[in-house]
Amino acid sequence: RPVRPAPAEVETNPRARSARLRVVEHLEASR
């Protein structure tokens, strides 16, 4: 289970943001 990046990290790391969105989409799709 991937760990979600901290909000502060997301602000400074666009890749973390996109990865977080991908995780959210995956969780929504797996419901």
N, C-alpha and C. Protein backbone atom coordinates (compact mmCIF):
# COMPACT_ATOMS: atom_id res chain seq x y z
N ARG A 1 0.84 -1.20 0.00
CA ARG A 1 0.00 0.00 0.00
C ARG A 1 0.88 1.25 0.00
N PRO A 2 0.80 2.04 -1.05
CA PRO A 2 1.66 3.23 -1.15
C PRO A 2 1.30 4.28 -0.11
N VAL A 3 2.31 4.93 0.40
CA VAL A 3 2.09 5.99 1.39
C VAL A 3 1.85 7.31 0.67
N ARG A 4 0.82 8.00 1.09
CA ARG A 4 0.52 9.28 0.44
C ARG A 4 1.51 10.35 0.89
N PRO A 5 2.01 11.15 -0.04
CA PRO A 5 2.97 12.20 0.32
C PRO A 5 2.30 13.28 1.16
N ALA A 6 3.08 13.92 1.99
CA ALA A 6 2.56 14.99 2.83
C ALA A 6 2.20 16.20 1.96
N PRO A 7 1.20 16.98 2.38
CA PRO A 7 0.79 18.16 1.60
C PRO A 7 1.96 19.09 1.28
N ALA A 8 2.85 19.29 2.25
CA ALA A 8 4.00 20.17 2.01
C ALA A 8 4.90 19.60 0.92
N GLU A 9 5.03 18.27 0.91
CA GLU A 9 5.86 17.64 -0.11
C GLU A 9 5.20 17.75 -1.48
N VAL A 10 3.88 17.65 -1.49
CA VAL A 10 3.16 17.75 -2.76
C VAL A 10 3.35 19.13 -3.38
N GLU A 11 3.36 20.16 -2.53
CA GLU A 11 3.52 21.52 -3.04
C GLU A 11 4.86 21.70 -3.73
N THR A 12 5.89 21.00 -3.25
CA THR A 12 7.23 21.18 -3.82
C THR A 12 7.59 20.08 -4.82
N ASN A 13 6.74 19.07 -4.92
CA ASN A 13 7.07 17.95 -5.79
C ASN A 13 5.86 17.59 -6.67
N PRO A 14 5.84 18.09 -7.91
CA PRO A 14 4.73 17.80 -8.82
C PRO A 14 4.52 16.31 -9.05
N ARG A 15 5.61 15.54 -9.04
CA ARG A 15 5.47 14.09 -9.25
C ARG A 15 4.70 13.47 -8.11
N ALA A 16 4.94 13.96 -6.90
CA ALA A 16 4.22 13.43 -5.74
C ALA A 16 2.73 13.74 -5.89
N ARG A 17 2.44 14.92 -6.42
CA ARG A 17 1.04 15.30 -6.62
C ARG A 17 0.36 14.35 -7.61
N SER A 18 1.01 14.11 -8.76
CA SER A 18 0.42 13.23 -9.76
C SER A 18 0.29 11.81 -9.23
N ALA A 19 1.29 11.38 -8.46
CA ALA A 19 1.24 10.03 -7.89
C ALA A 19 0.08 9.92 -6.91
N ARG A 20 -0.14 10.96 -6.13
CA ARG A 20 -1.23 10.95 -5.16
C ARG A 20 -2.58 10.89 -5.88
N LEU A 21 -2.70 11.66 -6.98
CA LEU A 21 -3.94 11.63 -7.74
C LEU A 21 -4.18 10.23 -8.31
N ARG A 22 -3.10 9.59 -8.76
CA ARG A 22 -3.23 8.26 -9.33
C ARG A 22 -3.71 7.28 -8.27
N VAL A 23 -3.18 7.41 -7.06
CA VAL A 23 -3.60 6.52 -5.97
C VAL A 23 -5.07 6.74 -5.65
N VAL A 24 -5.49 7.98 -5.60
CA VAL A 24 -6.89 8.29 -5.30
C VAL A 24 -7.79 7.71 -6.38
N GLU A 25 -7.40 7.88 -7.64
CA GLU A 25 -8.21 7.33 -8.73
C GLU A 25 -8.30 5.82 -8.63
N HIS A 26 -7.20 5.17 -8.26
CA HIS A 26 -7.19 3.72 -8.13
C HIS A 26 -8.12 3.27 -7.02
N LEU A 27 -8.09 3.99 -5.90
CA LEU A 27 -8.96 3.63 -4.78
C LEU A 27 -10.42 3.81 -5.16
N GLU A 28 -10.71 4.88 -5.88
CA GLU A 28 -12.10 5.12 -6.30
C GLU A 28 -12.55 4.03 -7.27
N ALA A 29 -11.65 3.61 -8.15
CA ALA A 29 -12.01 2.62 -9.16
C ALA A 29 -12.18 1.24 -8.56
N SER A 30 -11.51 0.99 -7.43
CA SER A 30 -11.55 -0.35 -6.84
C SER A 30 -12.75 -0.54 -5.91
N ARG A 31 -13.56 0.49 -5.75
CA ARG A 31 -14.73 0.35 -4.87
C ARG A 31 -15.79 -0.51 -5.52
